[in-house]
């Protein structure tokens, strides 16, 4: 998506399940910092289809979505986050 603005949003371990960013957006990347291995699940809005489930090891990890990213028509919703000391940073267009 050349010319698109990308905005970063953070979500920390222990925060409630939440909608991140605008109600319609494209996920371009996820940066993960974790003090213990864990996983997260993203759905298309609250109660929508599961779009991404990802496990991650301890440390700093990055997930890049190719091409135009993943379109979340009802918003990027974090429905589950496990591990310890985890912080997710989402890059959304």
PDB file of N, CA and C in Angstrom:
ATOM      1  N   UNK A   1       0.838  -1.178   0.000  1.00  0.00           N
ATOM      2  CA  UNK A   1       0.000   0.000   0.000  1.00  0.00           C
ATOM      3  C   UNK A   1       0.886   1.244   0.000  1.00  0.00           C
ATOM      4  N   UNK A   2       1.506   1.508  -1.082  1.00  0.00           N
ATOM      5  CA  UNK A   2       2.361   2.679  -1.178  1.00  0.00           C
ATOM      6  C   UNK A   2       1.575   3.936  -0.848  1.00  0.00           C
ATOM      7  N   UNK A   3       2.202   4.794  -0.051  1.00  0.00           N
ATOM      8  CA  UNK A   3       1.554   6.040   0.297  1.00  0.00           C
ATOM      9  C   UNK A   3       0.642   5.971   1.506  1.00  0.00           C
ATOM     10  N   UNK A   4       0.463   4.779   2.078  1.00  0.00           N
ATOM     11  CA  UNK A   4      -0.403   4.646   3.249  1.00  0.00           C
ATOM     12  C   UNK A   4       0.330   5.082   4.507  1.00  0.00           C
ATOM     13  N   UNK A   5      -0.416   5.655   5.422  1.00  0.00           N
ATOM     14  CA  UNK A   5       0.151   5.977   6.720  1.00  0.00           C
ATOM     15  C   UNK A   5       0.121   4.730   7.582  1.00  0.00           C
ATOM     16  N   UNK A   6       1.195   4.494   8.317  1.00  0.00           N
ATOM     17  CA  UNK A   6       1.254   3.364   9.235  1.00  0.00           C
ATOM     18  C   UNK A   6       1.339   3.937  10.638  1.00  0.00           C
ATOM     19  N   UNK A   7       0.523   3.385  11.533  1.00  0.00           N
ATOM     20  CA  UNK A   7       0.488   3.832  12.918  1.00  0.00           C
ATOM     21  C   UNK A   7       0.791   2.642  13.824  1.00  0.00           C
ATOM     22  N   UNK A   8       1.547   2.887  14.890  1.00  0.00           N
ATOM     23  CA  UNK A   8       1.904   1.846  15.850  1.00  0.00           C
ATOM     24  C   UNK A   8       0.986   1.910  17.056  1.00  0.00           C
ATOM     25  N   UNK A   9       0.549   0.737  17.513  1.00  0.00           N
ATOM     26  CA  UNK A   9      -0.292   0.597  18.705  1.00  0.00           C
ATOM     27  C   UNK A   9       0.308  -0.483  19.584  1.00  0.00           C
ATOM     28  N   UNK A  10       0.359  -0.250  20.894  1.00  0.00           N
ATOM     29  CA  UNK A  10       0.938  -1.225  21.822  1.00  0.00           C
ATOM     30  C   UNK A  10      -0.119  -1.844  22.709  1.00  0.00           C
ATOM     31  N   UNK A  11       0.156  -3.094  23.115  1.00  0.00           N
ATOM     32  CA  UNK A  11      -0.725  -3.826  24.021  1.00  0.00           C
ATOM     33  C   UNK A  11       0.161  -4.650  24.943  1.00  0.00           C
ATOM     34  N   UNK A  12       0.018  -4.464  26.257  1.00  0.00           N
ATOM     35  CA  UNK A  12       0.868  -5.137  27.230  1.00  0.00           C
ATOM     36  C   UNK A  12       0.168  -6.330  27.873  1.00  0.00           C
ATOM     37  N   UNK A  13       0.976  -7.323  28.256  1.00  0.00           N
ATOM     38  CA  UNK A  13       0.488  -8.485  28.989  1.00  0.00           C
ATOM     39  C   UNK A  13      -0.295  -8.011  30.203  1.00  0.00           C
ATOM     40  N   UNK A  14      -1.411  -8.626  30.472  1.00  0.00           N
ATOM     41  CA  UNK A  14      -2.236  -8.257  31.613  1.00  0.00           C
ATOM     42  C   UNK A  14      -3.354  -7.300  31.260  1.00  0.00           C
ATOM     43  N   UNK A  15      -3.261  -6.656  30.099  1.00  0.00           N
ATOM     44  CA  UNK A  15      -4.348  -5.796  29.646  1.00  0.00           C
ATOM     45  C   UNK A  15      -5.517  -6.669  29.190  1.00  0.00           C
ATOM     46  N   UNK A  16      -6.714  -6.144  29.304  1.00  0.00           N
ATOM     47  CA  UNK A  16      -7.900  -6.889  28.871  1.00  0.00           C
ATOM     48  C   UNK A  16      -7.891  -7.068  27.357  1.00  0.00           C
ATOM     49  N   UNK A  17      -8.627  -8.070  26.891  1.00  0.00           N
ATOM     50  CA  UNK A  17      -8.822  -8.239  25.450  1.00  0.00           C
ATOM     51  C   UNK A  17      -9.310  -6.907  24.899  1.00  0.00           C
ATOM     52  N   UNK A  18      -8.852  -6.535  23.701  1.00  0.00           N
ATOM     53  CA  UNK A  18      -9.162  -5.187  23.238  1.00  0.00           C
ATOM     54  C   UNK A  18      -9.080  -5.054  21.729  1.00  0.00           C
ATOM     55  N   UNK A  19      -9.827  -4.071  21.215  1.00  0.00           N
ATOM     56  CA  UNK A  19      -9.722  -3.655  19.827  1.00  0.00           C
ATOM     57  C   UNK A  19      -8.542  -2.698  19.744  1.00  0.00           C
ATOM     58  N   UNK A  20      -7.662  -2.939  18.782  1.00  0.00           N
ATOM     59  CA  UNK A  20      -6.470  -2.113  18.629  1.00  0.00           C
ATOM     60  C   UNK A  20      -6.604  -1.305  17.341  1.00  0.00           C
ATOM     61  N   UNK A  21      -6.444   0.003  17.445  1.00  0.00           N
ATOM     62  CA  UNK A  21      -6.469   0.846  16.258  1.00  0.00           C
ATOM     63  C   UNK A  21      -7.863   1.100  15.727  1.00  0.00           C
ATOM     64  N   UNK A  22      -7.929   1.537  14.461  1.00  0.00           N
ATOM     65  CA  UNK A  22      -9.216   1.877  13.851  1.00  0.00           C
ATOM     66  C   UNK A  22     -10.079   0.640  13.606  1.00  0.00           C
ATOM     67  N   UNK A  23     -11.366   0.862  13.362  1.00  0.00           N
ATOM     68  CA  UNK A  23     -12.295  -0.252  13.194  1.00  0.00           C
ATOM     69  C   UNK A  23     -12.071  -1.010  11.888  1.00  0.00           C
ATOM     70  N   UNK A  24     -11.390  -0.450  10.957  1.00  0.00           N
ATOM     71  CA  UNK A  24     -11.004  -1.151   9.718  1.00  0.00           C
ATOM     72  C   UNK A  24      -9.547  -0.811   9.461  1.00  0.00           C
ATOM     73  N   UNK A  25      -8.699  -1.832   9.381  1.00  0.00           N
ATOM     74  CA  UNK A  25      -7.286  -1.564   9.157  1.00  0.00           C
ATOM     75  C   UNK A  25      -6.583  -2.785   8.592  1.00  0.00           C
ATOM     76  N   UNK A  26      -5.371  -2.548   8.113  1.00  0.00           N
ATOM     77  CA  UNK A  26      -4.525  -3.621   7.588  1.00  0.00           C
ATOM     78  C   UNK A  26      -3.348  -3.815   8.526  1.00  0.00           C
ATOM     79  N   UNK A  27      -3.172  -5.049   8.954  1.00  0.00           N
ATOM     80  CA  UNK A  27      -2.035  -5.404   9.801  1.00  0.00           C
ATOM     81  C   UNK A  27      -0.818  -5.584   8.913  1.00  0.00           C
ATOM     82  N   UNK A  28       0.220  -4.790   9.161  1.00  0.00           N
ATOM     83  CA  UNK A  28       1.457  -4.854   8.382  1.00  0.00           C
ATOM     84  C   UNK A  28       2.548  -5.645   9.091  1.00  0.00           C
ATOM     85  N   UNK A  29       2.602  -5.519  10.438  1.00  0.00           N
ATOM     86  CA  UNK A  29       3.658  -6.185  11.208  1.00  0.00           C
ATOM     87  C   UNK A  29       3.271  -6.218  12.681  1.00  0.00           C
ATOM     88  N   UNK A  30       3.897  -7.158  13.403  1.00  0.00           N
ATOM     89  CA  UNK A  30       3.755  -7.243  14.857  1.00  0.00           C
ATOM     90  C   UNK A  30       5.159  -7.398  15.430  1.00  0.00           C
ATOM     91  N   UNK A  31       5.512  -6.528  16.360  1.00  0.00           N
ATOM     92  CA  UNK A  31       6.761  -6.667  17.112  1.00  0.00           C
ATOM     93  C   UNK A  31       6.397  -7.209  18.482  1.00  0.00           C
ATOM     94  N   UNK A  32       7.149  -8.198  18.942  1.00  0.00           N
ATOM     95  CA  UNK A  32       6.840  -8.882  20.195  1.00  0.00           C
ATOM     96  C   UNK A  32       8.059  -8.833  21.093  1.00  0.00           C
ATOM     97  N   UNK A  33       7.864  -8.399  22.333  1.00  0.00           N
ATOM     98  CA  UNK A  33       8.899  -8.530  23.351  1.00  0.00           C
ATOM     99  C   UNK A  33       8.310  -9.384  24.462  1.00  0.00           C
ATOM    100  N   UNK A  34       9.013 -10.446  24.862  1.00  0.00           N
ATOM    101  CA  UNK A  34       8.482 -11.351  25.872  1.00  0.00           C
ATOM    102  C   UNK A  34       9.599 -11.852  26.794  1.00  0.00           C
ATOM    103  N   UNK A  35       9.314 -11.913  28.087  1.00  0.00           N
ATOM    104  CA  UNK A  35      10.272 -12.476  29.031  1.00  0.00           C
ATOM    105  C   UNK A  35      10.050 -13.973  29.209  1.00  0.00           C
ATOM    106  N   UNK A  36       8.992 -14.515  28.604  1.00  0.00           N
ATOM    107  CA  UNK A  36       8.725 -15.954  28.574  1.00  0.00           C
ATOM    108  C   UNK A  36       7.988 -16.269  27.279  1.00  0.00           C
ATOM    109  N   UNK A  37       8.125 -17.503  26.810  1.00  0.00           N
ATOM    110  CA  UNK A  37       7.427 -17.915  25.586  1.00  0.00           C
ATOM    111  C   UNK A  37       5.923 -17.786  25.783  1.00  0.00           C
ATOM    112  N   UNK A  38       5.202 -17.569  24.701  1.00  0.00           N
ATOM    113  CA  UNK A  38       3.749 -17.432  24.792  1.00  0.00           C
ATOM    114  C   UNK A  38       3.113 -17.483  23.420  1.00  0.00           C
ATOM    115  N   UNK A  39       1.883 -16.987  23.339  1.00  0.00           N
ATOM    116  CA  UNK A  39       1.168 -16.940  22.066  1.00  0.00           C
ATOM    117  C   UNK A  39       0.108 -15.845  22.117  1.00  0.00           C
ATOM    118  N   UNK A  40      -0.379 -15.475  20.946  1.00  0.00           N
ATOM    119  CA  UNK A  40      -1.498 -14.531  20.881  1.00  0.00           C
ATOM    120  C   UNK A  40      -2.422 -14.934  19.752  1.00  0.00           C
ATOM    121  N   UNK A  41      -3.676 -14.485  19.865  1.00  0.00           N
ATOM    122  CA  UNK A  41      -4.688 -14.724  18.836  1.00  0.00           C
ATOM    123  C   UNK A  41      -5.344 -13.402  18.486  1.00  0.00           C
ATOM    124  N   UNK A  42      -5.425 -13.128  17.186  1.00  0.00           N
ATOM    125  CA  UNK A  42      -6.097 -11.929  16.686  1.00  0.00           C
ATOM    126  C   UNK A  42      -7.338 -12.365  15.930  1.00  0.00           C
ATOM    127  N   UNK A  43      -8.449 -11.669  16.190  1.00  0.00           N
ATOM    128  CA  UNK A  43      -9.685 -11.943  15.471  1.00  0.00           C
ATOM    129  C   UNK A  43     -10.135 -10.689  14.723  1.00  0.00           C
ATOM    130  N   UNK A  44     -11.033 -10.885  13.777  1.00  0.00           N
ATOM    131  CA  UNK A  44     -11.604  -9.780  13.017  1.00  0.00           C
ATOM    132  C   UNK A  44     -12.725  -9.172  13.857  1.00  0.00           C
ATOM    133  N   UNK A  45     -12.372  -8.228  14.714  1.00  0.00           N
ATOM    134  CA  UNK A  45     -13.337  -7.656  15.658  1.00  0.00           C
ATOM    135  C   UNK A  45     -13.601  -8.622  16.802  1.00  0.00           C
ATOM    136  N   UNK A  46     -14.368  -8.178  17.768  1.00  0.00           N
ATOM    137  CA  UNK A  46     -14.710  -8.991  18.939  1.00  0.00           C
ATOM    138  C   UNK A  46     -15.674 -10.100  18.533  1.00  0.00           C
ATOM    139  N   UNK A  47     -15.251 -11.341  18.625  1.00  0.00           N
ATOM    140  CA  UNK A  47     -16.102 -12.470  18.277  1.00  0.00           C
ATOM    141  C   UNK A  47     -16.061 -12.858  16.819  1.00  0.00           C
ATOM    142  N   UNK A  48     -15.247 -12.169  16.022  1.00  0.00           N
ATOM    143  CA  UNK A  48     -15.152 -12.477  14.593  1.00  0.00           C
ATOM    144  C   UNK A  48     -14.224 -13.645  14.316  1.00  0.00           C
ATOM    145  N   UNK A  49     -13.987 -13.878  13.058  1.00  0.00           N
ATOM    146  CA  UNK A  49     -13.135 -14.985  12.617  1.00  0.00           C
ATOM    147  C   UNK A  49     -11.712 -14.809  13.125  1.00  0.00           C
ATOM    148  N   UNK A  50     -11.080 -15.922  13.470  1.00  0.00           N
ATOM    149  CA  UNK A  50      -9.670 -15.896  13.851  1.00  0.00           C
ATOM    150  C   UNK A  50      -8.845 -15.617  12.606  1.00  0.00           C
ATOM    151  N   UNK A  51      -8.028 -14.576  12.682  1.00  0.00           N
ATOM    152  CA  UNK A  51      -7.211 -14.175  11.536  1.00  0.00           C
ATOM    153  C   UNK A  51      -5.755 -14.630  11.691  1.00  0.00           C
ATOM    154  N   UNK A  52      -5.262 -14.656  12.944  1.00  0.00           N
ATOM    155  CA  UNK A  52      -3.866 -15.018  13.178  1.00  0.00           C
ATOM    156  C   UNK A  52      -3.713 -15.571  14.580  1.00  0.00           C
ATOM    157  N   UNK A  53      -3.097 -16.741  14.685  1.00  0.00           N
ATOM    158  CA  UNK A  53      -2.675 -17.301  15.969  1.00  0.00           C
ATOM    159  C   UNK A  53      -1.183 -17.547  15.839  1.00  0.00           C
ATOM    160  N   UNK A  54      -0.408 -16.994  16.765  1.00  0.00           N
ATOM    161  CA  UNK A  54       1.046 -17.064  16.643  1.00  0.00           C
ATOM    162  C   UNK A  54       1.692 -17.394  17.978  1.00  0.00           C
ATOM    163  N   UNK A  55       2.588 -18.384  17.987  1.00  0.00           N
ATOM    164  CA  UNK A  55       3.430 -18.672  19.145  1.00  0.00           C
ATOM    165  C   UNK A  55       4.726 -17.899  18.983  1.00  0.00           C
ATOM    166  N   UNK A  56       5.377 -17.579  20.126  1.00  0.00           N
ATOM    167  CA  UNK A  56       6.647 -16.867  20.058  1.00  0.00           C
ATOM    168  C   UNK A  56       7.546 -17.298  21.206  1.00  0.00           C
ATOM    169  N   UNK A  57       8.872 -17.271  20.990  1.00  0.00           N
ATOM    170  CA  UNK A  57       9.827 -17.602  22.042  1.00  0.00           C
ATOM    171  C   UNK A  57      10.156 -16.364  22.884  1.00  0.00           C
ATOM    172  N   UNK A  58      10.919 -16.560  23.933  1.00  0.00           N
ATOM    173  CA  UNK A  58      11.407 -15.468  24.768  1.00  0.00           C
ATOM    174  C   UNK A  58      12.276 -14.523  23.929  1.00  0.00           C
ATOM    175  N   UNK A  59      12.194 -13.244  24.229  1.00  0.00           N
ATOM    176  CA  UNK A  59      13.033 -12.256  23.555  1.00  0.00           C
ATOM    177  C   UNK A  59      12.249 -11.351  22.632  1.00  0.00           C
ATOM    178  N   UNK A  60      12.971 -10.738  21.708  1.00  0.00           N
ATOM    179  CA  UNK A  60      12.378  -9.832  20.730  1.00  0.00           C
ATOM    180  C   UNK A  60      12.102 -10.614  19.457  1.00  0.00           C
ATOM    181  N   UNK A  61      10.876 -10.513  18.958  1.00  0.00           N
ATOM    182  CA  UNK A  61      10.457 -11.242  17.762  1.00  0.00           C
ATOM    183  C   UNK A  61       9.684 -10.297  16.859  1.00  0.00           C
ATOM    184  N   UNK A  62       9.715 -10.563  15.565  1.00  0.00           N
ATOM    185  CA  UNK A  62       9.014  -9.723  14.597  1.00  0.00           C
ATOM    186  C   UNK A  62       8.261 -10.591  13.603  1.00  0.00           C
ATOM    187  N   UNK A  63       7.055 -10.158  13.266  1.00  0.00           N
ATOM    188  CA  UNK A  63       6.249 -10.821  12.245  1.00  0.00           C
ATOM    189  C   UNK A  63       5.919  -9.768  11.192  1.00  0.00           C
ATOM    190  N   UNK A  64       6.269 -10.052   9.950  1.00  0.00           N
ATOM    191  CA  UNK A  64       5.948  -9.145   8.858  1.00  0.00           C
ATOM    192  C   UNK A  64       4.928  -9.815   7.943  1.00  0.00           C
ATOM    193  N   UNK A  65       3.899  -9.094   7.577  1.00  0.00           N
ATOM    194  CA  UNK A  65       2.857  -9.597   6.695  1.00  0.00           C
ATOM    195  C   UNK A  65       3.179  -9.083   5.289  1.00  0.00           C
ATOM    196  N   UNK A  66       3.351  -9.977   4.312  1.00  0.00           N
ATOM    197  CA  UNK A  66       3.744  -9.537   2.971  1.00  0.00           C
ATOM    198  C   UNK A  66       2.636  -8.794   2.223  1.00  0.00           C
ATOM    199  N   UNK A  67       3.050  -8.220   1.100  1.00  0.00           N
ATOM    200  CA  UNK A  67       2.144  -7.512   0.195  1.00  0.00           C
ATOM    201  C   UNK A  67       1.414  -6.379   0.919  1.00  0.00           C
ATOM    202  N   UNK A  68       0.077  -6.367   0.871  1.00  0.00           N
ATOM    203  CA  UNK A  68      -0.718  -5.298   1.472  1.00  0.00           C
ATOM    204  C   UNK A  68      -1.117  -5.572   2.911  1.00  0.00           C
ATOM    205  N   UNK A  69      -0.595  -6.634   3.520  1.00  0.00           N
ATOM    206  CA  UNK A  69      -0.953  -6.955   4.891  1.00  0.00           C
ATOM    207  C   UNK A  69      -2.271  -7.715   4.962  1.00  0.00           C
ATOM    208  N   UNK A  70      -2.760  -7.900   6.184  1.00  0.00           N
ATOM    209  CA  UNK A  70      -4.026  -8.615   6.423  1.00  0.00           C
ATOM    210  C   UNK A  70      -5.113  -7.596   6.714  1.00  0.00           C
ATOM    211  N   UNK A  71      -6.213  -7.664   5.981  1.00  0.00           N
ATOM    212  CA  UNK A  71      -7.321  -6.729   6.165  1.00  0.00           C
ATOM    213  C   UNK A  71      -8.248  -7.221   7.277  1.00  0.00           C
ATOM    214  N   UNK A  72      -8.436  -6.391   8.288  1.00  0.00           N
ATOM    215  CA  UNK A  72      -9.373  -6.629   9.375  1.00  0.00           C
ATOM    216  C   UNK A  72     -10.521  -5.642   9.181  1.00  0.00           C
ATOM    217  N   UNK A  73     -11.624  -6.092   8.612  1.00  0.00           N
ATOM    218  CA  UNK A  73     -12.738  -5.196   8.298  1.00  0.00           C
ATOM    219  C   UNK A  73     -13.475  -4.705   9.540  1.00  0.00           C
ATOM    220  N   UNK A  74     -13.385  -5.463  10.647  1.00  0.00           N
ATOM    221  CA  UNK A  74     -14.037  -5.064  11.899  1.00  0.00           C
ATOM    222  C   UNK A  74     -13.025  -4.684  12.971  1.00  0.00           C
ATOM    223  N   UNK A  75     -11.782  -4.496  12.593  1.00  0.00           N
ATOM    224  CA  UNK A  75     -10.735  -4.089  13.515  1.00  0.00           C
ATOM    225  C   UNK A  75      -9.910  -5.258  14.015  1.00  0.00           C
ATOM    226  N   UNK A  76      -8.661  -4.962  14.382  1.00  0.00           N
ATOM    227  CA  UNK A  76      -7.748  -5.956  14.947  1.00  0.00           C
ATOM    228  C   UNK A  76      -8.106  -6.108  16.422  1.00  0.00           C
ATOM    229  N   UNK A  77      -8.535  -7.302  16.804  1.00  0.00           N
ATOM    230  CA  UNK A  77      -8.962  -7.559  18.185  1.00  0.00           C
ATOM    231  C   UNK A  77      -8.060  -8.616  18.795  1.00  0.00           C
ATOM    232  N   UNK A  78      -7.424  -8.286  19.902  1.00  0.00           N
ATOM    233  CA  UNK A  78      -6.585  -9.248  20.617  1.00  0.00           C
ATOM    234  C   UNK A  78      -7.501 -10.047  21.527  1.00  0.00           C
ATOM    235  N   UNK A  79      -7.759 -11.298  21.153  1.00  0.00           N
ATOM    236  CA  UNK A  79      -8.684 -12.115  21.941  1.00  0.00           C
ATOM    237  C   UNK A  79      -7.967 -12.986  22.956  1.00  0.00           C
ATOM    238  N   UNK A  80      -6.660 -13.213  22.772  1.00  0.00           N
ATOM    239  CA  UNK A  80      -5.893 -14.024  23.728  1.00  0.00           C
ATOM    240  C   UNK A  80      -4.431 -13.604  23.673  1.00  0.00           C
ATOM    241  N   UNK A  81      -3.778 -13.606  24.837  1.00  0.00           N
ATOM    242  CA  UNK A  81      -2.346 -13.315  24.939  1.00  0.00           C
ATOM    243  C   UNK A  81      -1.802 -14.063  26.134  1.00  0.00           C
ATOM    244  N   UNK A  82      -0.856 -14.990  25.891  1.00  0.00           N
ATOM    245  CA  UNK A  82      -0.248 -15.751  26.978  1.00  0.00           C
ATOM    246  C   UNK A  82       1.238 -15.450  27.026  1.00  0.00           C
ATOM    247  N   UNK A  83       1.872 -15.924  28.075  1.00  0.00           N
ATOM    248  CA  UNK A  83       3.291 -15.688  28.284  1.00  0.00           C
ATOM    249  C   UNK A  83       3.459 -14.809  29.515  1.00  0.00           C
ATOM    250  N   UNK A  84       4.622 -14.212  29.660  1.00  0.00           N
ATOM    251  CA  UNK A  84       4.881 -13.319  30.790  1.00  0.00           C
ATOM    252  C   UNK A  84       5.696 -12.134  30.304  1.00  0.00           C
ATOM    253  N   UNK A  85       5.393 -10.970  30.848  1.00  0.00           N
ATOM    254  CA  UNK A  85       6.131  -9.770  30.487  1.00  0.00           C
ATOM    255  C   UNK A  85       6.072  -9.471  29.000  1.00  0.00           C
ATOM    256  N   UNK A  86       4.957  -9.772  28.366  1.00  0.00           N
ATOM    257  CA  UNK A  86       4.832  -9.620  26.920  1.00  0.00           C
ATOM    258  C   UNK A  86       4.263  -8.262  26.551  1.00  0.00           C
ATOM    259  N   UNK A  87       4.867  -7.647  25.550  1.00  0.00           N
ATOM    260  CA  UNK A  87       4.312  -6.433  24.970  1.00  0.00           C
ATOM    261  C   UNK A  87       4.298  -6.597  23.458  1.00  0.00           C
ATOM    262  N   UNK A  88       3.148  -6.340  22.867  1.00  0.00           N
ATOM    263  CA  UNK A  88       2.963  -6.420  21.422  1.00  0.00           C
ATOM    264  C   UNK A  88       2.861  -5.009  20.858  1.00  0.00           C
ATOM    265  N   UNK A  89       3.509  -4.764  19.751  1.00  0.00           N
ATOM    266  CA  UNK A  89       3.361  -3.505  19.031  1.00  0.00           C
ATOM    267  C   UNK A  89       2.881  -3.844  17.634  1.00  0.00           C
ATOM    268  N   UNK A  90       1.717  -3.304  17.273  1.00  0.00           N
ATOM    269  CA  UNK A  90       1.101  -3.563  15.977  1.00  0.00           C
ATOM    270  C   UNK A  90       1.347  -2.382  15.061  1.00  0.00           C
ATOM    271  N   UNK A  91       1.727  -2.664  13.828  1.00  0.00           N
ATOM    272  CA  UNK A  91       1.858  -1.627  12.814  1.00  0.00           C
ATOM    273  C   UNK A  91       0.676  -1.788  11.875  1.00  0.00           C
ATOM    274  N   UNK A  92      -0.213  -0.786  11.894  1.00  0.00           N
ATOM    275  CA  UNK A  92      -1.465  -0.842  11.132  1.00  0.00           C
ATOM    276  C   UNK A  92      -1.524   0.271  10.107  1.00  0.00           C
ATOM    277  N   UNK A  93      -2.096  -0.053   8.952  1.00  0.00           N
ATOM    278  CA  UNK A  93      -2.304   0.948   7.904  1.00  0.00           C
ATOM    279  C   UNK A  93      -3.794   1.096   7.695  1.00  0.00           C
TER     280      UNK A  93
END
